[in-house]
C-alpha atoms as a PDB file:
ATOM      1  CA  MET A   1     113.661  50.537  49.202  1.00  0.00           C
ATOM      2  CA  LYS A   2     115.883  52.269  51.725  1.00  0.00           C
ATOM      3  CA  GLU A   3     117.269  54.595  49.099  1.00  0.00           C
ATOM      4  CA  ASN A   4     113.778  55.577  48.059  1.00  0.00           C
ATOM      5  CA  LYS A   5     112.892  56.470  51.636  1.00  0.00           C
ATOM      6  CA  LEU A   6     116.026  58.572  51.993  1.00  0.00           C
ATOM      7  CA  ILE A   7     115.235  60.476  48.845  1.00  0.00           C
ATOM      8  CA  ARG A   8     111.735  61.245  50.116  1.00  0.00           C
ATOM      9  CA  ASP A   9     113.149  62.544  53.422  1.00  0.00           C
ATOM     10  CA  ILE A  10     115.705  64.727  51.704  1.00  0.00           C
ATOM     11  CA  GLN A  11     113.363  66.112  49.120  1.00  0.00           C
ATOM     12  CA  PRO A  12     111.051  68.060  51.525  1.00  0.00           C
ATOM     13  CA  LYS A  13     114.103  69.528  53.175  1.00  0.00           C
ATOM     14  CA  SER A  14     115.343  70.679  49.854  1.00  0.00           C
ATOM     15  CA  GLU A  15     111.931  72.206  49.165  1.00  0.00           C
ATOM     16  CA  THR A  16     112.043  74.102  52.436  1.00  0.00           C
ATOM     17  CA  PHE A  17     115.594  75.132  51.648  1.00  0.00           C
ATOM     18  CA  LYS A  18     114.419  76.445  48.300  1.00  0.00           C
ATOM     19  CA  LEU A  19     111.676  78.419  50.019  1.00  0.00           C
ATOM     20  CA  ILE A  20     114.150  79.787  52.523  1.00  0.00           C
ATOM     21  CA  GLN A  21     116.546  80.693  49.783  1.00  0.00           C
ATOM     22  CA  LYS A  22     113.790  82.262  47.738  1.00  0.00           C
ATOM     23  CA  TYR A  23     112.168  84.397  50.446  1.00  0.00           C
ATOM     24  CA  ILE A  24     114.444  84.766  53.454  1.00  0.00           C
ATOM     25  CA  LEU A  25     117.841  84.880  51.778  1.00  0.00           C
ATOM     26  CA  ASN A  26     116.514  87.299  49.205  1.00  0.00           C
ATOM     27  CA  LYS A  27     118.648  90.455  48.896  1.00  0.00           C
ATOM     28  CA  TYR A  28     115.643  92.695  49.586  1.00  0.00           C
ATOM     29  CA  THR A  29     114.681  90.821  52.731  1.00  0.00           C
ATOM     30  CA  ILE A  30     118.257  90.954  54.012  1.00  0.00           C
ATOM     31  CA  THR A  31     118.431  94.672  53.198  1.00  0.00           C
ATOM     32  CA  ILE A  32     115.178  95.384  55.023  1.00  0.00           C
ATOM     33  CA  CYS A  33     116.304  93.375  58.069  1.00  0.00           C
ATOM     34  CA  LEU A  34     119.636  95.183  58.193  1.00  0.00           C
ATOM     35  CA  PHE A  35     117.848  98.523  57.849  1.00  0.00           C
ATOM     36  CA  LEU A  36     115.494  97.694  60.733  1.00  0.00           C
ATOM     37  CA  VAL A  37     118.367  96.562  62.955  1.00  0.00           C
ATOM     38  CA  TRP A  38     120.245  99.761  62.134  1.00  0.00           C
ATOM     39  CA  MET A  39     117.214 101.959  62.863  1.00  0.00           C
ATOM     40  CA  ILE A  40     116.389 100.207  66.147  1.00  0.00           C
ATOM     41  CA  PHE A  41     119.870 100.025  67.668  1.00  0.00           C
ATOM     42  CA  PHE A  42     122.503 102.178  65.949  1.00  0.00           C
ATOM     43  CA  ASP A  43     120.966 105.332  64.483  1.00  0.00           C
ATOM     44  CA  LYS A  44     120.968 108.708  66.287  1.00  0.00           C
ATOM     45  CA  THR A  45     117.184 108.574  66.356  1.00  0.00           C
ATOM     46  CA  SER A  46     116.983 104.896  67.243  1.00  0.00           C
ATOM     47  CA  PHE A  47     114.148 103.382  69.203  1.00  0.00           C
ATOM     48  CA  LEU A  48     116.332 103.110  72.302  1.00  0.00           C
ATOM     49  CA  VAL A  49     117.339 106.785  72.190  1.00  0.00           C
ATOM     50  CA  ILE A  50     113.755 107.907  71.630  1.00  0.00           C
ATOM     51  CA  ASN A  51     112.583 105.745  74.527  1.00  0.00           C
ATOM     52  CA  GLU A  52     115.229 107.280  76.803  1.00  0.00           C
ATOM     53  CA  LEU A  53     114.278 110.801  75.735  1.00  0.00           C
ATOM     54  CA  ASN A  54     110.599 110.079  76.401  1.00  0.00           C
ATOM     55  CA  GLY A  55     111.562 108.977  79.913  1.00  0.00           C
ATOM     56  CA  GLU A  56     113.370 112.266  80.478  1.00  0.00           C
ATOM     57  CA  ILE A  57     110.385 114.202  79.142  1.00  0.00           C
ATOM     58  CA  ASN A  58     108.091 112.410  81.603  1.00  0.00           C
ATOM     59  CA  LYS A  59     110.486 113.169  84.470  1.00  0.00           C
ATOM     60  CA  TYR A  60     110.595 116.861  83.549  1.00  0.00           C
ATOM     61  CA  GLU A  61     106.809 117.023  83.221  1.00  0.00           C
ATOM     62  CA  GLU A  62     106.496 115.628  86.756  1.00  0.00           C
ATOM     63  CA  GLN A  63     108.963 118.245  88.000  1.00  0.00           C
ATOM     64  CA  LEU A  64     107.025 120.946  86.175  1.00  0.00           C
ATOM     65  CA  GLN A  65     103.809 119.834  87.881  1.00  0.00           C
ATOM     66  CA  TYR A  66     105.553 119.855  91.278  1.00  0.00           C
ATOM     67  CA  TYR A  67     106.912 123.361  90.739  1.00  0.00           C
ATOM     68  CA  LYS A  68     103.520 124.621  89.583  1.00  0.00           C
ATOM     69  CA  THR A  69     101.865 123.395  92.772  1.00  0.00           C
ATOM     70  CA  GLU A  70     104.677 124.879  94.878  1.00  0.00           C
ATOM     71  CA  TYR A  71     104.309 128.176  93.030  1.00  0.00           C
ATOM     72  CA  GLU A  72     100.562 128.219  93.659  1.00  0.00           C
ATOM     73  CA  LYS A  73     101.074 127.546  97.376  1.00  0.00           C
ATOM     74  CA  ASN A  74     103.730 130.262  97.665  1.00  0.00           C
ATOM     75  CA  ASP A  75     101.655 132.718  95.659  1.00  0.00           C
ATOM     76  CA  ALA A  76      98.657 132.164  97.925  1.00  0.00           C
ATOM     77  CA  PHE A  77     100.874 132.605 100.993  1.00  0.00           C
ATOM     78  CA  TYR A  78     102.378 135.802  99.527  1.00  0.00           C
ATOM     79  CA  LYS A  79      98.937 137.260  98.800  1.00  0.00           C
ATOM     80  CA  LYS A  80      97.815 136.377 102.321  1.00  0.00           C
ATOM     81  CA  LEU A  81     100.896 138.124 103.763  1.00  0.00           C
ATOM     82  CA  MET A  82     100.523 141.253 101.630  1.00  0.00           C
ATOM     83  CA  ASN A  83      96.816 141.663 102.319  1.00  0.00           C
ATOM     84  CA  ASN A  84      96.797 141.035 106.073  1.00  0.00           C
ATOM     85  CA  LYS A  85      98.888 143.158 108.420  1.00  0.00           C
ATOM     86  CA  TYR A  86      98.478 140.702 111.296  1.00  0.00           C
ATOM     87  CA  GLU A  87      99.801 137.797 109.178  1.00  0.00           C
ATOM     88  CA  LYS A  88     102.775 139.888 108.044  1.00  0.00           C
ATOM     89  CA  GLU A  89     103.651 140.766 111.631  1.00  0.00           C
ATOM     90  CA  LYS A  90     103.238 137.163 112.769  1.00  0.00           C
ATOM     91  CA  TYR A  91     105.516 135.892 109.973  1.00  0.00           C
ATOM     92  CA  ALA A  92     108.198 138.506 110.736  1.00  0.00           C
ATOM     93  CA  ARG A  93     108.141 137.697 114.444  1.00  0.00           C
ATOM     94  CA  GLU A  94     108.314 133.906 113.941  1.00  0.00           C
ATOM     95  CA  ASN A  95     110.928 133.756 111.202  1.00  0.00           C
ATOM     96  CA  TYR A  96     113.051 136.873 111.621  1.00  0.00           C
ATOM     97  CA  PHE A  97     112.682 137.469 115.386  1.00  0.00           C
ATOM     98  CA  MET A  98     111.544 141.045 114.825  1.00  0.00           C
ATOM     99  CA  LYS A  99     110.062 142.938 117.702  1.00  0.00           C
ATOM    100  CA  LYS A 100     108.210 146.086 118.535  1.00  0.00           C
ATOM    101  CA  PRO A 101     109.995 148.913 120.315  1.00  0.00           C
ATOM    102  CA  ASN A 102     110.089 148.436 124.093  1.00  0.00           C
ATOM    103  CA  GLU A 103     109.660 144.664 123.694  1.00  0.00           C
ATOM    104  CA  GLU A 104     112.040 141.835 124.525  1.00  0.00           C
ATOM    105  CA  ILE A 105     112.371 138.469 122.790  1.00  0.00           C
ATOM    106  CA  PHE A 106     113.371 135.293 124.568  1.00  0.00           C
ATOM    107  CA  ILE A 107     114.603 132.397 122.459  1.00  0.00           C
ATOM    108  CA  LEU A 108     114.412 129.032 124.188  1.00  0.00           C
ATOM    109  CA  VAL A 109     116.838 126.374 122.966  1.00  0.00           C
ATOM    110  CA  VAL A 110     116.271 122.737 123.841  1.00  0.00           C
ATOM    111  CA  ASP A 111     119.333 120.593 124.505  1.00  0.00           C
ATOM    112  CA  SER A 112     119.031 117.718 122.043  1.00  0.00           C
ATOM    113  CA  THR A 113     121.260 115.363 124.059  1.00  0.00           C
ATOM    114  CA  LYS A 114     118.909 115.450 127.029  1.00  0.00           C
ATOM    115  CA  VAL A 115     115.851 114.930 124.866  1.00  0.00           C
ATOM    116  CA  ALA A 116     117.422 111.873 123.162  1.00  0.00           C
ATOM    117  CA  LYS A 117     118.147 110.153 126.488  1.00  0.00           C
ATOM    118  CA  LYS A 118     114.524 110.221 127.592  1.00  0.00           C
END
């Protein structure tokens, strides 16, 4: 009786082993699995490399958008300077300390050590 029970317990395992051997340990299945592992991890165009390159593309697209907005701001400022004589004079006086003839410029410098103590 005990032997009969043991045989019944072993037999389903052998059936599952046969199924495993038939489908999973098949040479085509092993070849496909090895191919997928190779393509995902080791190839020059692997999934990991493509994912990294897509990250770089996204970073460069964000930089491109930033530079486009900066260009638009600078272009608008340039057009405003070139079309308005008063704006051009104001910009030259503030940034380059230019002056008219017979005019003096006073540059006030604040001592940063005294400002920090307050």
